[in-house]
Amino acid sequence: MAPTLRHGDALLVRRGGRAVRAGDLVVGTFRTRPDLLVVKRAARPVDGGWELRGDNALVTDDSRVYGVADVLGRVVLRYWPRPTWFSVPSV
């Protein structure tokens, strides 16, 4: 999911809550690869699931390779490394 996310980023994920919308970052599993947990961007609803896309189309494996995915939760916040807007002023 580079450049949006990098390896090692810690995320707060919410199950339930408001419905997933196109453009949301989500955690899901592809129906053809149920053992693979992924963080991708929801593109559009299809066949009772979602088409998921990575942000870097040249180097990502997403619904173009694995097909329809089931969404497990929606990414609410990246909390580590600390986002720039979350900085604490120095004294």
Protein backbone atom coordinates (compact mmCIF):
# COMPACT_ATOMS: atom_id res chain seq x y z
CA MET A 1 0.00 0.00 0.00
CA ALA A 2 2.96 2.31 -0.47
CA PRO A 3 2.99 5.28 -0.50
CA THR A 4 -0.04 5.41 1.86
CA LEU A 5 1.25 2.72 4.24
CA ARG A 6 4.63 1.10 4.79
CA HIS A 7 5.73 -2.22 6.23
CA GLY A 8 5.56 -2.00 10.02
CA ASP A 9 2.83 0.65 10.26
CA ALA A 10 0.39 -0.04 13.12
CA LEU A 11 -3.28 0.52 12.32
CA LEU A 12 -6.48 0.89 14.29
CA VAL A 13 -9.16 -1.19 12.53
CA ARG A 14 -12.87 -1.04 13.29
CA ARG A 15 -15.22 -3.93 12.67
CA GLY A 16 -18.80 -2.82 12.18
CA GLY A 17 -19.67 0.84 12.47
CA ARG A 18 -20.49 2.71 9.31
CA ALA A 19 -20.65 0.78 6.08
CA VAL A 20 -17.57 0.52 3.89
CA ARG A 21 -17.50 3.00 1.02
CA ALA A 22 -15.40 3.08 -2.14
CA GLY A 23 -12.06 4.68 -1.33
CA ASP A 24 -11.86 3.42 2.27
CA LEU A 25 -8.77 1.54 3.46
CA VAL A 26 -9.91 -1.88 4.64
CA VAL A 27 -8.62 -5.18 5.99
CA GLY A 28 -9.90 -8.18 4.11
CA THR A 29 -9.34 -11.66 2.73
CA PHE A 30 -9.67 -12.77 -0.86
CA ARG A 31 -12.09 -15.62 -1.43
CA THR A 32 -9.47 -17.46 -3.48
CA ARG A 33 -6.81 -16.93 -0.75
CA PRO A 34 -8.62 -17.03 2.64
CA ASP A 35 -5.27 -17.46 4.45
CA LEU A 36 -3.99 -14.09 3.15
CA LEU A 37 -4.91 -11.05 5.28
CA VAL A 38 -4.48 -7.80 3.33
CA VAL A 39 -4.84 -4.05 3.74
CA LYS A 40 -6.14 -2.51 0.52
CA ARG A 41 -8.40 0.25 -0.76
CA ALA A 42 -12.06 -0.68 -1.40
CA ALA A 43 -12.77 0.02 -5.07
CA ARG A 44 -16.36 -1.13 -5.61
CA PRO A 45 -18.85 -3.71 -4.34
CA VAL A 46 -19.12 -6.88 -6.45
CA ASP A 47 -20.83 -10.28 -5.96
CA GLY A 48 -21.60 -9.76 -2.27
CA GLY A 49 -18.01 -8.70 -1.54
CA TRP A 50 -15.60 -5.98 -2.61
CA GLU A 51 -13.07 -5.37 -5.32
CA LEU A 52 -9.89 -4.30 -3.51
CA ARG A 53 -7.05 -2.35 -5.10
CA GLY A 54 -3.56 -1.44 -3.95
CA ASP A 55 -2.35 2.14 -4.22
CA ASN A 56 0.65 1.20 -6.36
CA ALA A 57 -0.82 -0.58 -9.38
CA LEU A 58 2.57 -1.60 -10.82
CA VAL A 59 3.68 -3.79 -7.91
CA THR A 60 0.56 -4.94 -6.10
CA ASP A 61 -1.45 -8.14 -5.98
CA ASP A 62 -5.10 -7.23 -5.53
CA SER A 63 -8.52 -8.14 -6.94
CA ARG A 64 -7.10 -8.09 -10.45
CA VAL A 65 -5.16 -11.22 -9.46
CA TYR A 66 -7.21 -12.82 -6.66
CA GLY A 67 -10.79 -11.73 -7.41
CA VAL A 68 -13.51 -10.75 -4.96
CA ALA A 69 -12.64 -10.10 -1.29
CA ASP A 70 -14.57 -10.12 1.96
CA VAL A 71 -13.98 -7.04 4.12
CA LEU A 72 -13.28 -7.72 7.80
CA GLY A 73 -12.89 -4.12 8.99
CA ARG A 74 -12.20 -0.50 8.06
CA VAL A 75 -8.90 1.23 8.84
CA VAL A 76 -9.62 4.18 11.09
CA LEU A 77 -6.13 5.42 11.99
CA ARG A 78 -2.43 4.75 11.55
CA TYR A 79 -1.01 5.23 15.05
CA TRP A 80 2.61 4.13 14.59
CA PRO A 81 4.79 5.67 13.38
CA ARG A 82 3.05 8.73 14.76
CA PRO A 83 1.29 10.77 12.05
CA THR A 84 2.71 14.28 11.55
CA TRP A 85 -0.55 15.93 12.63
CA PHE A 86 -0.30 14.03 15.94
CA SER A 87 2.91 15.64 17.13
CA VAL A 88 3.23 16.85 20.70
CA PRO A 89 4.73 20.34 20.99
CA SER A 90 8.08 20.47 22.73
CA VAL A 91 8.40 22.58 25.86
